[in-house]
C-alpha atoms as a PDB file:
ATOM      1  CA  MET A   1      36.997 145.140-175.920  1.00  0.00           C
ATOM      2  CA  ASP A   2      40.119 143.824-174.196  1.00  0.00           C
ATOM      3  CA  PHE A   3      42.493 140.632-174.941  1.00  0.00           C
ATOM      4  CA  GLU A   4      41.736 139.207-171.244  1.00  0.00           C
ATOM      5  CA  ALA A   5      37.492 140.272-172.068  1.00  0.00           C
ATOM      6  CA  LYS A   6      37.419 138.240-175.107  1.00  0.00           C
ATOM      7  CA  ILE A   7      39.463 135.128-173.455  1.00  0.00           C
ATOM      8  CA  ILE A   8      36.529 135.187-171.271  1.00  0.00           C
ATOM      9  CA  SER A   9      33.775 135.155-173.793  1.00  0.00           C
ATOM     10  CA  ARG A  10      35.422 132.876-175.350  1.00  0.00           C
ATOM     11  CA  GLU A  11      35.501 130.722-172.778  1.00  0.00           C
ATOM     12  CA  ILE A  12      32.056 131.707-171.262  1.00  0.00           C
ATOM     13  CA  SER A  13      30.993 130.344-174.743  1.00  0.00           C
ATOM     14  CA  GLU A  14      33.010 127.093-175.160  1.00  0.00           C
ATOM     15  CA  LEU A  15      31.874 125.972-171.638  1.00  0.00           C
ATOM     16  CA  LEU A  16      27.565 127.015-172.438  1.00  0.00           C
ATOM     17  CA  TRP A  17      28.056 124.919-175.969  1.00  0.00           C
ATOM     18  CA  GLU A  18      29.287 122.236-173.955  1.00  0.00           C
ATOM     19  CA  MET A  19      27.093 122.128-171.565  1.00  0.00           C
ATOM     20  CA  GLU A  20      24.216 122.804-173.793  1.00  0.00           C
ATOM     21  CA  LYS A  21      22.497 125.841-171.650  1.00  0.00           C
ATOM     22  CA  THR A  22      21.715 129.196-172.276  1.00  0.00           C
ATOM     23  CA  VAL A  23      22.282 132.794-171.052  1.00  0.00           C
ATOM     24  CA  GLY A  24      20.849 136.278-170.953  1.00  0.00           C
ATOM     25  CA  THR A  25      21.553 139.403-169.263  1.00  0.00           C
ATOM     26  CA  ALA A  26      19.578 142.195-167.166  1.00  0.00           C
ATOM     27  CA  GLU A  27      21.247 145.255-167.016  1.00  0.00           C
ATOM     28  CA  SER A  28      20.860 148.245-165.085  1.00  0.00           C
ATOM     29  CA  CYS A  29      23.966 150.652-165.736  1.00  0.00           C
ATOM     30  CA  THR A  30      25.942 148.798-167.837  1.00  0.00           C
ATOM     31  CA  GLY A  31      23.899 149.607-170.327  1.00  0.00           C
ATOM     32  CA  GLY A  32      23.923 146.169-172.277  1.00  0.00           C
ATOM     33  CA  ARG A  33      27.713 145.554-172.276  1.00  0.00           C
ATOM     34  CA  ILE A  34      27.635 142.517-170.642  1.00  0.00           C
ATOM     35  CA  ALA A  35      25.254 141.713-173.439  1.00  0.00           C
ATOM     36  CA  GLU A  36      27.524 143.008-175.502  1.00  0.00           C
ATOM     37  CA  ALA A  37      30.750 141.525-174.007  1.00  0.00           C
ATOM     38  CA  ILE A  38      28.708 137.747-175.030  1.00  0.00           C
ATOM     39  CA  ILE A  39      28.362 138.534-178.341  1.00  0.00           C
ATOM     40  CA  ALA A  40      31.793 139.218-178.684  1.00  0.00           C
ATOM     41  CA  VAL A  41      31.801 135.725-179.778  1.00  0.00           C
ATOM     42  CA  PRO A  42      30.720 134.299-183.193  1.00  0.00           C
ATOM     43  CA  GLY A  43      27.924 131.581-182.775  1.00  0.00           C
ATOM     44  CA  ALA A  44      26.613 133.288-179.752  1.00  0.00           C
ATOM     45  CA  SER A  45      23.091 132.834-180.899  1.00  0.00           C
ATOM     46  CA  LYS A  46      23.335 129.535-180.022  1.00  0.00           C
ATOM     47  CA  TYR A  47      23.073 130.213-176.118  1.00  0.00           C
ATOM     48  CA  PHE A  48      22.570 133.896-175.633  1.00  0.00           C
ATOM     49  CA  LYS A  49      19.154 134.588-175.675  1.00  0.00           C
ATOM     50  CA  GLY A  50      18.885 138.379-175.168  1.00  0.00           C
ATOM     51  CA  GLY A  51      19.366 140.900-172.803  1.00  0.00           C
ATOM     52  CA  ILE A  52      16.771 143.491-170.621  1.00  0.00           C
ATOM     53  CA  ILE A  53      18.624 146.901-169.909  1.00  0.00           C
ATOM     54  CA  SER A  54      15.995 147.912-166.772  1.00  0.00           C
ATOM     55  CA  TYR A  55      17.417 151.418-166.349  1.00  0.00           C
ATOM     56  CA  VAL A  56      14.746 152.378-164.248  1.00  0.00           C
ATOM     57  CA  ASN A  57      12.576 150.470-161.560  1.00  0.00           C
ATOM     58  CA  GLU A  58       9.194 150.575-163.770  1.00  0.00           C
ATOM     59  CA  ILE A  59      11.264 148.145-166.009  1.00  0.00           C
ATOM     60  CA  LYS A  60      12.816 146.176-162.981  1.00  0.00           C
ATOM     61  CA  GLU A  61       9.224 145.997-161.512  1.00  0.00           C
ATOM     62  CA  SER A  62       7.008 145.440-164.812  1.00  0.00           C
ATOM     63  CA  LEU A  63       9.823 143.002-166.993  1.00  0.00           C
ATOM     64  CA  LEU A  64      12.503 141.229-164.411  1.00  0.00           C
ATOM     65  CA  GLY A  65       9.463 140.808-161.215  1.00  0.00           C
ATOM     66  CA  VAL A  66      11.745 143.139-158.849  1.00  0.00           C
ATOM     67  CA  ASP A  67       9.809 143.319-156.082  1.00  0.00           C
ATOM     68  CA  ALA A  68       8.784 147.129-155.739  1.00  0.00           C
ATOM     69  CA  GLN A  69       8.780 147.098-151.601  1.00  0.00           C
ATOM     70  CA  VAL A  70      12.508 145.977-152.069  1.00  0.00           C
ATOM     71  CA  LEU A  71      13.208 148.777-154.283  1.00  0.00           C
ATOM     72  CA  ALA A  72      11.208 151.712-152.386  1.00  0.00           C
ATOM     73  CA  GLU A  73      13.380 150.264-148.601  1.00  0.00           C
ATOM     74  CA  ASN A  74      16.609 149.300-150.555  1.00  0.00           C
ATOM     75  CA  THR A  75      17.122 151.218-153.506  1.00  0.00           C
ATOM     76  CA  ALA A  76      17.636 149.347-157.001  1.00  0.00           C
ATOM     77  CA  VAL A  77      21.600 149.246-155.700  1.00  0.00           C
ATOM     78  CA  CYS A  78      21.530 146.359-153.219  1.00  0.00           C
ATOM     79  CA  GLU A  79      22.658 142.764-153.266  1.00  0.00           C
ATOM     80  CA  GLU A  80      18.828 141.850-153.267  1.00  0.00           C
ATOM     81  CA  VAL A  81      17.630 143.501-156.131  1.00  0.00           C
ATOM     82  CA  ALA A  82      20.572 142.141-158.562  1.00  0.00           C
ATOM     83  CA  VAL A  83      19.390 138.573-157.296  1.00  0.00           C
ATOM     84  CA  GLN A  84      15.898 139.505-157.933  1.00  0.00           C
ATOM     85  CA  MET A  85      16.918 140.189-161.699  1.00  0.00           C
ATOM     86  CA  VAL A  86      18.609 137.151-162.457  1.00  0.00           C
ATOM     87  CA  ARG A  87      16.092 135.098-161.547  1.00  0.00           C
ATOM     88  CA  GLY A  88      13.544 137.478-163.382  1.00  0.00           C
ATOM     89  CA  ALA A  89      15.912 137.525-166.343  1.00  0.00           C
ATOM     90  CA  CYS A  90      15.998 133.215-166.688  1.00  0.00           C
ATOM     91  CA  LYS A  91      11.961 133.753-166.381  1.00  0.00           C
ATOM     92  CA  SER A  92      10.801 136.557-169.080  1.00  0.00           C
ATOM     93  CA  LEU A  93      14.115 135.520-171.173  1.00  0.00           C
ATOM     94  CA  ASN A  94      13.290 131.549-170.408  1.00  0.00           C
ATOM     95  CA  THR A  95      17.391 131.050-170.154  1.00  0.00           C
ATOM     96  CA  ASP A  96      18.864 128.551-167.989  1.00  0.00           C
ATOM     97  CA  TYR A  97      21.582 131.357-166.551  1.00  0.00           C
ATOM     98  CA  ALA A  98      21.565 135.483-166.183  1.00  0.00           C
ATOM     99  CA  ILE A  99      23.708 137.680-165.092  1.00  0.00           C
ATOM    100  CA  SER A 100      22.638 141.220-163.896  1.00  0.00           C
ATOM    101  CA  ALA A 101      24.418 144.310-162.943  1.00  0.00           C
ATOM    102  CA  THR A 102      22.272 146.910-161.279  1.00  0.00           C
ATOM    103  CA  GLY A 103      24.945 150.448-159.423  1.00  0.00           C
ATOM    104  CA  ILE A 104      26.148 153.938-159.935  1.00  0.00           C
ATOM    105  CA  ALA A 105      28.859 154.542-163.095  1.00  0.00           C
ATOM    106  CA  GLY A 106      29.051 157.861-162.594  1.00  0.00           C
ATOM    107  CA  PRO A 107      29.791 161.043-162.484  1.00  0.00           C
ATOM    108  CA  SER A 108      26.880 162.013-159.709  1.00  0.00           C
ATOM    109  CA  GLY A 109      23.998 160.175-158.997  1.00  0.00           C
ATOM    110  CA  GLY A 110      25.957 158.552-155.557  1.00  0.00           C
ATOM    111  CA  THR A 111      24.644 159.242-151.847  1.00  0.00           C
ATOM    112  CA  LYS A 112      27.344 158.769-148.892  1.00  0.00           C
ATOM    113  CA  ASP A 113      25.673 155.530-148.416  1.00  0.00           C
ATOM    114  CA  ILE A 114      25.632 154.447-151.712  1.00  0.00           C
ATOM    115  CA  PRO A 115      28.946 156.319-153.297  1.00  0.00           C
ATOM    116  CA  VAL A 116      29.147 156.907-157.207  1.00  0.00           C
ATOM    117  CA  GLY A 117      30.934 152.863-158.459  1.00  0.00           C
ATOM    118  CA  THR A 118      29.091 150.965-156.045  1.00  0.00           C
ATOM    119  CA  ILE A 119      27.607 148.393-158.438  1.00  0.00           C
ATOM    120  CA  TRP A 120      26.010 145.287-157.801  1.00  0.00           C
ATOM    121  CA  LEU A 121      26.944 142.116-160.069  1.00  0.00           C
ATOM    122  CA  ALA A 122      24.864 138.486-160.015  1.00  0.00           C
ATOM    123  CA  CYS A 123      24.487 135.450-161.882  1.00  0.00           C
ATOM    124  CA  GLY A 124      22.977 132.130-161.948  1.00  0.00           C
ATOM    125  CA  ASN A 125      19.642 130.554-162.373  1.00  0.00           C
ATOM    126  CA  ALA A 126      16.579 130.500-160.895  1.00  0.00           C
ATOM    127  CA  ASP A 127      17.927 128.378-157.376  1.00  0.00           C
ATOM    128  CA  ARG A 128      21.640 129.535-156.965  1.00  0.00           C
ATOM    129  CA  VAL A 129      22.296 132.945-157.683  1.00  0.00           C
ATOM    130  CA  VAL A 130      25.676 134.352-156.863  1.00  0.00           C
ATOM    131  CA  THR A 131      27.272 137.813-155.849  1.00  0.00           C
ATOM    132  CA  LEU A 132      29.533 140.563-156.219  1.00  0.00           C
ATOM    133  CA  LYS A 133      29.827 144.519-155.282  1.00  0.00           C
ATOM    134  CA  VAL A 134      32.350 146.792-156.672  1.00  0.00           C
ATOM    135  CA  GLU A 135      33.243 149.450-155.005  1.00  0.00           C
ATOM    136  CA  GLU A 136      35.345 151.679-157.440  1.00  0.00           C
ATOM    137  CA  ASP A 137      34.920 154.875-158.928  1.00  0.00           C
ATOM    138  CA  HIS A 138      37.610 155.517-161.708  1.00  0.00           C
ATOM    139  CA  GLY A 139      35.360 157.504-163.652  1.00  0.00           C
ATOM    140  CA  ARG A 140      32.282 156.460-165.726  1.00  0.00           C
ATOM    141  CA  ASP A 141      33.692 154.387-168.848  1.00  0.00           C
ATOM    142  CA  ILE A 142      36.263 152.577-166.483  1.00  0.00           C
ATOM    143  CA  ASN A 143      33.642 151.970-163.863  1.00  0.00           C
ATOM    144  CA  LEU A 144      31.384 149.924-166.583  1.00  0.00           C
ATOM    145  CA  ALA A 145      34.203 149.006-168.346  1.00  0.00           C
ATOM    146  CA  ILE A 146      35.405 146.934-164.723  1.00  0.00           C
ATOM    147  CA  ALA A 147      31.448 146.210-163.926  1.00  0.00           C
ATOM    148  CA  THR A 148      31.371 144.303-167.283  1.00  0.00           C
ATOM    149  CA  ASN A 149      34.594 142.605-166.752  1.00  0.00           C
ATOM    150  CA  LYS A 150      34.274 141.438-163.312  1.00  0.00           C
ATOM    151  CA  ALA A 151      30.441 140.150-164.235  1.00  0.00           C
ATOM    152  CA  MET A 152      31.785 138.328-166.755  1.00  0.00           C
ATOM    153  CA  THR A 153      34.508 136.688-164.534  1.00  0.00           C
ATOM    154  CA  LEU A 154      31.933 135.728-161.972  1.00  0.00           C
ATOM    155  CA  PHE A 155      30.162 134.618-164.427  1.00  0.00           C
ATOM    156  CA  LEU A 156      32.937 132.371-165.738  1.00  0.00           C
ATOM    157  CA  ASP A 157      33.674 131.044-162.311  1.00  0.00           C
ATOM    158  CA  TYR A 158      30.341 129.906-162.076  1.00  0.00           C
ATOM    159  CA  LEU A 159      29.621 128.179-164.748  1.00  0.00           C
ATOM    160  CA  LYS A 160      32.919 126.067-163.653  1.00  0.00           C
ATOM    161  CA  ALA A 161      32.048 125.492-160.839  1.00  0.00           C
ATOM    162  CA  GLU A 162      28.471 124.398-162.292  1.00  0.00           C
ATOM    163  CA  ASN A 163      30.665 121.583-164.750  1.00  0.00           C
ATOM    164  CA  GLY A 164      32.805 120.448-161.788  1.00  0.00           C
ATOM    165  CA  GLU A 165      35.597 122.462-162.647  1.00  0.00           C
ATOM    166  CA  ARG A 166      35.876 124.738-159.107  1.00  0.00           C
ATOM    167  CA  GLU A 167      34.145 125.413-156.104  1.00  0.00           C
ATOM    168  CA  PRO A 168      32.041 128.337-156.728  1.00  0.00           C
ATOM    169  CA  LEU A 169      33.032 131.526-155.273  1.00  0.00           C
ATOM    170  CA  GLU A 170      30.114 132.896-152.888  1.00  0.00           C
ATOM    171  CA  GLY A 171      30.370 136.727-152.209  1.00  0.00           C
END
């Protein structure tokens, strides 16, 4: 984990401790990397409850409650699935907040409409979720690192807004 990611993880840790809130993850393409970034800070068991790696649609539906019709009509790589993953993780893991990622890391699997490097990130709670679409293809490893760092930054900004420190990012 790079230095910037450690700083972001530390800031998230401090805010969650201060707010006495919990977080979980619902990850597809990132395969647990967001959870790994969160637990990099000692004491994470105070606020991190767990994560669901939902690499296939079956798990998105059964454990996270993602709508099968949305998956059929839009594929798993869409904003609505990322939002539903956040809400489903909050419910399944009984957390205040959740972070999700769904996309195509590569090197294959992309289409004309959804090219490799397209990753939808989301974070929030049952009532309010913010999203961010990543559309960069720098190879699988870098795509996943970028998505993880952007997800952590998105969540940090969300927490700061929740804590009254800044306006939330809408995306």
